[in-house]
Amino acid sequence: MSEIKGVDVNIMGRDFTVSCTDEERPGLINAVNFLDKKMRDIRDSGKIIGAERIAIMAALNLSHELLNSKSGNVDIGDFKRRIIKMQDDIDKVCVTK
């Protein structure tokens, strides 16, 4: 097992140091990017103000999604639509470069 190291991350403009191993680092970075996007989406909606409230709303949304996925209440159609949109966005970026 790798040595535990501090990894500097940035979530919604705030810097944090999180401890993890080298093996855990890619997963941590993915989680940070995912959370940062969720929080920025909530902030950009203009309905919630304040980093703490945005973090709580993001945590509630993610908890709700996790619990629904565990109980089988997952909207697969929604996931497919989101994946198709992401693929389209990637294709647009690749074509313009």
N, C-alpha and C. Protein backbone atom coordinates (compact mmCIF):
# COMPACT_ATOMS: atom_id res chain seq x y z
N MET A 1 0.84 -1.17 0.00
CA MET A 1 0.00 0.00 0.00
C MET A 1 0.89 1.24 0.00
N SER A 2 0.45 2.24 -0.71
CA SER A 2 1.22 3.48 -0.83
C SER A 2 1.14 4.30 0.43
N GLU A 3 2.08 5.18 0.51
CA GLU A 3 2.13 6.14 1.61
C GLU A 3 0.99 7.16 1.45
N ILE A 4 0.42 7.58 2.55
CA ILE A 4 -0.63 8.59 2.52
C ILE A 4 0.01 9.96 2.40
N LYS A 5 -0.47 10.73 1.42
CA LYS A 5 0.08 12.05 1.15
C LYS A 5 -1.06 13.07 1.10
N GLY A 6 -0.71 14.32 1.30
CA GLY A 6 -1.68 15.40 1.16
C GLY A 6 -1.80 15.81 -0.30
N VAL A 7 -3.02 15.92 -0.77
CA VAL A 7 -3.28 16.35 -2.14
C VAL A 7 -4.04 17.67 -2.06
N ASP A 8 -3.52 18.69 -2.73
CA ASP A 8 -4.20 19.99 -2.75
C ASP A 8 -5.27 19.97 -3.82
N VAL A 9 -6.49 20.35 -3.43
CA VAL A 9 -7.61 20.41 -4.36
C VAL A 9 -8.31 21.75 -4.20
N ASN A 10 -9.11 22.10 -5.19
CA ASN A 10 -9.86 23.35 -5.16
C ASN A 10 -11.31 23.05 -5.47
N ILE A 11 -12.18 23.46 -4.58
CA ILE A 11 -13.62 23.27 -4.77
C ILE A 11 -14.28 24.64 -4.67
N MET A 12 -14.88 25.06 -5.74
CA MET A 12 -15.58 26.33 -5.82
C MET A 12 -14.72 27.50 -5.33
N GLY A 13 -13.46 27.49 -5.76
CA GLY A 13 -12.57 28.58 -5.44
C GLY A 13 -11.89 28.51 -4.08
N ARG A 14 -12.16 27.46 -3.34
CA ARG A 14 -11.54 27.30 -2.01
C ARG A 14 -10.57 26.13 -2.05
N ASP A 15 -9.39 26.34 -1.47
CA ASP A 15 -8.35 25.31 -1.46
C ASP A 15 -8.46 24.42 -0.22
N PHE A 16 -8.26 23.13 -0.46
CA PHE A 16 -8.29 22.13 0.61
C PHE A 16 -7.14 21.17 0.40
N THR A 17 -6.64 20.59 1.47
CA THR A 17 -5.67 19.51 1.38
C THR A 17 -6.34 18.26 1.92
N VAL A 18 -6.33 17.21 1.10
CA VAL A 18 -6.98 15.96 1.46
C VAL A 18 -5.94 14.86 1.44
N SER A 19 -5.96 14.00 2.45
CA SER A 19 -5.00 12.90 2.53
C SER A 19 -5.51 11.70 1.76
N CYS A 20 -4.64 11.11 0.96
CA CYS A 20 -4.98 9.87 0.26
C CYS A 20 -3.71 9.22 -0.25
N THR A 21 -3.82 7.99 -0.68
CA THR A 21 -2.69 7.26 -1.25
C THR A 21 -2.61 7.58 -2.75
N ASP A 22 -1.50 7.18 -3.36
CA ASP A 22 -1.36 7.38 -4.80
C ASP A 22 -2.45 6.64 -5.58
N GLU A 23 -2.84 5.46 -5.08
CA GLU A 23 -3.87 4.68 -5.75
C GLU A 23 -5.23 5.37 -5.67
N GLU A 24 -5.48 6.08 -4.59
CA GLU A 24 -6.77 6.75 -4.39
C GLU A 24 -6.85 8.10 -5.10
N ARG A 25 -5.70 8.64 -5.49
CA ARG A 25 -5.65 10.00 -6.04
C ARG A 25 -6.56 10.21 -7.25
N PRO A 26 -6.54 9.34 -8.27
CA PRO A 26 -7.43 9.57 -9.42
C PRO A 26 -8.91 9.62 -9.03
N GLY A 27 -9.32 8.74 -8.12
CA GLY A 27 -10.70 8.75 -7.66
C GLY A 27 -11.04 10.02 -6.90
N LEU A 28 -10.08 10.47 -6.09
CA LEU A 28 -10.28 11.72 -5.35
C LEU A 28 -10.45 12.88 -6.31
N ILE A 29 -9.58 12.97 -7.31
CA ILE A 29 -9.66 14.06 -8.28
C ILE A 29 -10.99 14.02 -9.02
N ASN A 30 -11.45 12.84 -9.40
CA ASN A 30 -12.77 12.72 -10.05
C ASN A 30 -13.88 13.19 -9.13
N ALA A 31 -13.80 12.81 -7.86
CA ALA A 31 -14.82 13.23 -6.90
C ALA A 31 -14.80 14.73 -6.69
N VAL A 32 -13.62 15.31 -6.61
CA VAL A 32 -13.49 16.76 -6.45
C VAL A 32 -14.10 17.48 -7.65
N ASN A 33 -13.77 17.04 -8.84
CA ASN A 33 -14.31 17.67 -10.05
C ASN A 33 -15.83 17.54 -10.11
N PHE A 34 -16.35 16.39 -9.74
CA PHE A 34 -17.79 16.15 -9.75
C PHE A 34 -18.48 17.07 -8.74
N LEU A 35 -17.94 17.12 -7.53
CA LEU A 35 -18.53 17.97 -6.49
C LEU A 35 -18.43 19.44 -6.86
N ASP A 36 -17.29 19.85 -7.38
CA ASP A 36 -17.11 21.24 -7.79
C ASP A 36 -18.16 21.63 -8.82
N LYS A 37 -18.40 20.77 -9.80
CA LYS A 37 -19.41 21.06 -10.83
C LYS A 37 -20.80 21.14 -10.22
N LYS A 38 -21.14 20.20 -9.35
CA LYS A 38 -22.46 20.22 -8.70
C LYS A 38 -22.65 21.52 -7.93
N MET A 39 -21.63 21.90 -7.16
CA MET A 39 -21.75 23.10 -6.35
C MET A 39 -21.83 24.35 -7.23
N ARG A 40 -21.06 24.40 -8.29
CA ARG A 40 -21.11 25.56 -9.19
C ARG A 40 -22.47 25.65 -9.89
N ASP A 41 -23.03 24.50 -10.26
CA ASP A 41 -24.36 24.50 -10.88
C ASP A 41 -25.41 25.06 -9.91
N ILE A 42 -25.31 24.65 -8.65
CA ILE A 42 -26.26 25.15 -7.64
C ILE A 42 -26.06 26.64 -7.45
N ARG A 43 -24.81 27.08 -7.33
CA ARG A 43 -24.52 28.50 -7.16
C ARG A 43 -25.03 29.30 -8.36
N ASP A 44 -24.77 28.79 -9.56
CA ASP A 44 -25.14 29.51 -10.78
C ASP A 44 -26.65 29.58 -10.99
N SER A 45 -27.39 28.68 -10.35
CA SER A 45 -28.85 28.74 -10.46
C SER A 45 -29.40 29.98 -9.77
N GLY A 46 -28.60 30.53 -8.83
CA GLY A 46 -29.00 31.76 -8.15
C GLY A 46 -30.00 31.57 -7.03
N LYS A 47 -30.42 30.34 -6.78
CA LYS A 47 -31.44 30.09 -5.75
C LYS A 47 -30.84 29.96 -4.36
N ILE A 48 -29.57 29.56 -4.28
CA ILE A 48 -28.91 29.34 -3.00
C ILE A 48 -27.69 30.26 -2.93
N ILE A 49 -27.53 30.95 -1.81
CA ILE A 49 -26.39 31.85 -1.63
C ILE A 49 -25.59 31.39 -0.41
N GLY A 50 -24.28 31.43 -0.54
CA GLY A 50 -23.39 31.06 0.55
C GLY A 50 -22.80 29.68 0.34
N ALA A 51 -21.48 29.59 0.49
CA ALA A 51 -20.78 28.34 0.23
C ALA A 51 -21.27 27.20 1.11
N GLU A 52 -21.55 27.49 2.37
CA GLU A 52 -22.02 26.43 3.27
C GLU A 52 -23.37 25.89 2.84
N ARG A 53 -24.28 26.77 2.49
CA ARG A 53 -25.61 26.32 2.04
C ARG A 53 -25.52 25.57 0.71
N ILE A 54 -24.65 26.04 -0.17
CA ILE A 54 -24.46 25.35 -1.45
C ILE A 54 -23.89 23.95 -1.20
N ALA A 55 -22.93 23.83 -0.29
CA ALA A 55 -22.33 22.53 0.03
C ALA A 55 -23.38 21.58 0.61
N ILE A 56 -24.23 22.11 1.48
CA ILE A 56 -25.28 21.26 2.07
C ILE A 56 -26.26 20.81 1.01
N MET A 57 -26.66 21.72 0.12
CA MET A 57 -27.59 21.34 -0.95
C MET A 57 -26.96 20.30 -1.87
N ALA A 58 -25.68 20.47 -2.20
CA ALA A 58 -25.00 19.49 -3.04
C ALA A 58 -24.95 18.13 -2.33
N ALA A 59 -24.65 18.15 -1.04
CA ALA A 59 -24.61 16.90 -0.27
C ALA A 59 -25.98 16.23 -0.25
N LEU A 60 -27.03 17.01 -0.08
CA LEU A 60 -28.39 16.45 -0.09
C LEU A 60 -28.72 15.86 -1.45
N ASN A 61 -28.39 16.58 -2.52
CA ASN A 61 -28.66 16.07 -3.86
C ASN A 61 -27.91 14.78 -4.14
N LEU A 62 -26.62 14.75 -3.76
CA LEU A 62 -25.82 13.55 -3.99
C LEU A 62 -26.30 12.38 -3.13
N SER A 63 -26.69 12.67 -1.89
CA SER A 63 -27.23 11.62 -1.02
C SER A 63 -28.51 11.04 -1.59
N HIS A 64 -29.36 11.92 -2.09
CA HIS A 64 -30.62 11.49 -2.69
C HIS A 64 -30.36 10.59 -3.90
N GLU A 65 -29.44 11.01 -4.77
CA GLU A 65 -29.08 10.20 -5.94
C GLU A 65 -28.53 8.85 -5.53
N LEU A 66 -27.65 8.84 -4.52
CA LEU A 66 -27.06 7.58 -4.06
C LEU A 66 -28.12 6.64 -3.49
N LEU A 67 -28.97 7.16 -2.64
CA LEU A 67 -30.00 6.33 -2.04
C LEU A 67 -30.98 5.80 -3.08
N ASN A 68 -31.32 6.63 -4.06
CA ASN A 68 -32.22 6.16 -5.13
C ASN A 68 -31.55 5.08 -5.96
N SER A 69 -30.25 5.21 -6.21
CA SER A 69 -29.57 4.20 -7.01
C SER A 69 -29.47 2.88 -6.25
N LYS A 70 -29.32 2.95 -4.92
CA LYS A 70 -29.24 1.73 -4.11
C LYS A 70 -30.58 1.02 -4.03
N SER A 71 -31.67 1.79 -4.06
CA SER A 71 -32.99 1.18 -3.95
C SER A 71 -33.57 0.81 -5.30
N GLY A 72 -32.83 1.07 -6.36
CA GLY A 72 -33.28 0.71 -7.69
C GLY A 72 -34.14 1.76 -8.36
N ASN A 73 -34.31 2.92 -7.74
CA ASN A 73 -35.13 3.98 -8.32
C ASN A 73 -34.30 4.89 -9.22
N VAL A 74 -33.57 4.29 -10.14
CA VAL A 74 -32.70 5.05 -11.03
C VAL A 74 -33.41 5.23 -12.36
N ASP A 75 -33.41 6.44 -12.85
CA ASP A 75 -33.99 6.73 -14.16
C ASP A 75 -32.92 6.49 -15.21
N ILE A 76 -32.88 5.28 -15.75
CA ILE A 76 -31.87 4.91 -16.73
C ILE A 76 -31.98 5.77 -17.98
N GLY A 77 -33.19 6.13 -18.35
CA GLY A 77 -33.38 7.00 -19.51
C GLY A 77 -32.68 8.33 -19.32
N ASP A 78 -32.77 8.88 -18.10
CA ASP A 78 -32.10 10.14 -17.82
C ASP A 78 -30.60 9.98 -17.95
N PHE A 79 -30.06 8.88 -17.43
CA PHE A 79 -28.62 8.64 -17.55
C PHE A 79 -28.21 8.52 -19.02
N LYS A 80 -29.01 7.82 -19.80
CA LYS A 80 -28.69 7.66 -21.22
C LYS A 80 -28.71 9.01 -21.92
N ARG A 81 -29.70 9.85 -21.63
CA ARG A 81 -29.78 11.17 -22.24
C ARG A 81 -28.56 12.02 -21.86
N ARG A 82 -28.17 11.93 -20.59
CA ARG A 82 -27.02 12.70 -20.13
C ARG A 82 -25.73 12.22 -20.80
N ILE A 83 -25.59 10.91 -20.95
CA ILE A 83 -24.40 10.35 -21.60
C ILE A 83 -24.36 10.77 -23.07
N ILE A 84 -25.50 10.71 -23.74
CA ILE A 84 -25.55 11.12 -25.15
C ILE A 84 -25.18 12.59 -25.29
N LYS A 85 -25.69 13.43 -24.39
CA LYS A 85 -25.35 14.86 -24.43
C LYS A 85 -23.86 15.05 -24.20
N MET A 86 -23.28 14.32 -23.24
CA MET A 86 -21.84 14.44 -22.99
C MET A 86 -21.05 14.00 -24.22
N GLN A 87 -21.49 12.91 -24.87
CA GLN A 87 -20.80 12.44 -26.07
C GLN A 87 -20.88 13.49 -27.18
N ASP A 88 -22.04 14.10 -27.33
CA ASP A 88 -22.21 15.16 -28.33
C ASP A 88 -21.28 16.35 -28.03
N ASP A 89 -21.21 16.74 -26.74
CA ASP A 89 -20.33 17.84 -26.35
C ASP A 89 -18.87 17.51 -26.65
N ILE A 90 -18.47 16.27 -26.36
CA ILE A 90 -17.10 15.84 -26.64
C ILE A 90 -16.84 15.87 -28.14
N ASP A 91 -17.80 15.38 -28.92
CA ASP A 91 -17.64 15.38 -30.38
C ASP A 91 -17.50 16.80 -30.91
N LYS A 92 -18.26 17.74 -30.37
CA LYS A 92 -18.17 19.13 -30.82
C LYS A 92 -16.79 19.71 -30.52
N VAL A 93 -16.26 19.41 -29.34
CA VAL A 93 -14.94 19.91 -28.98
C VAL A 93 -13.88 19.30 -29.88
N CYS A 94 -13.99 18.00 -30.14
CA CYS A 94 -12.99 17.32 -30.97
C CYS A 94 -13.03 17.84 -32.41
N VAL A 95 -14.19 18.18 -32.90
CA VAL A 95 -14.33 18.67 -34.28
C VAL A 95 -13.76 20.07 -34.42
N THR A 96 -13.92 20.89 -33.38
CA THR A 96 -13.47 22.27 -33.47
C THR A 96 -11.96 22.40 -33.29
N LYS A 97 -11.29 21.38 -32.79
CA LYS A 97 -9.84 21.46 -32.57
C LYS A 97 -9.06 21.08 -33.79
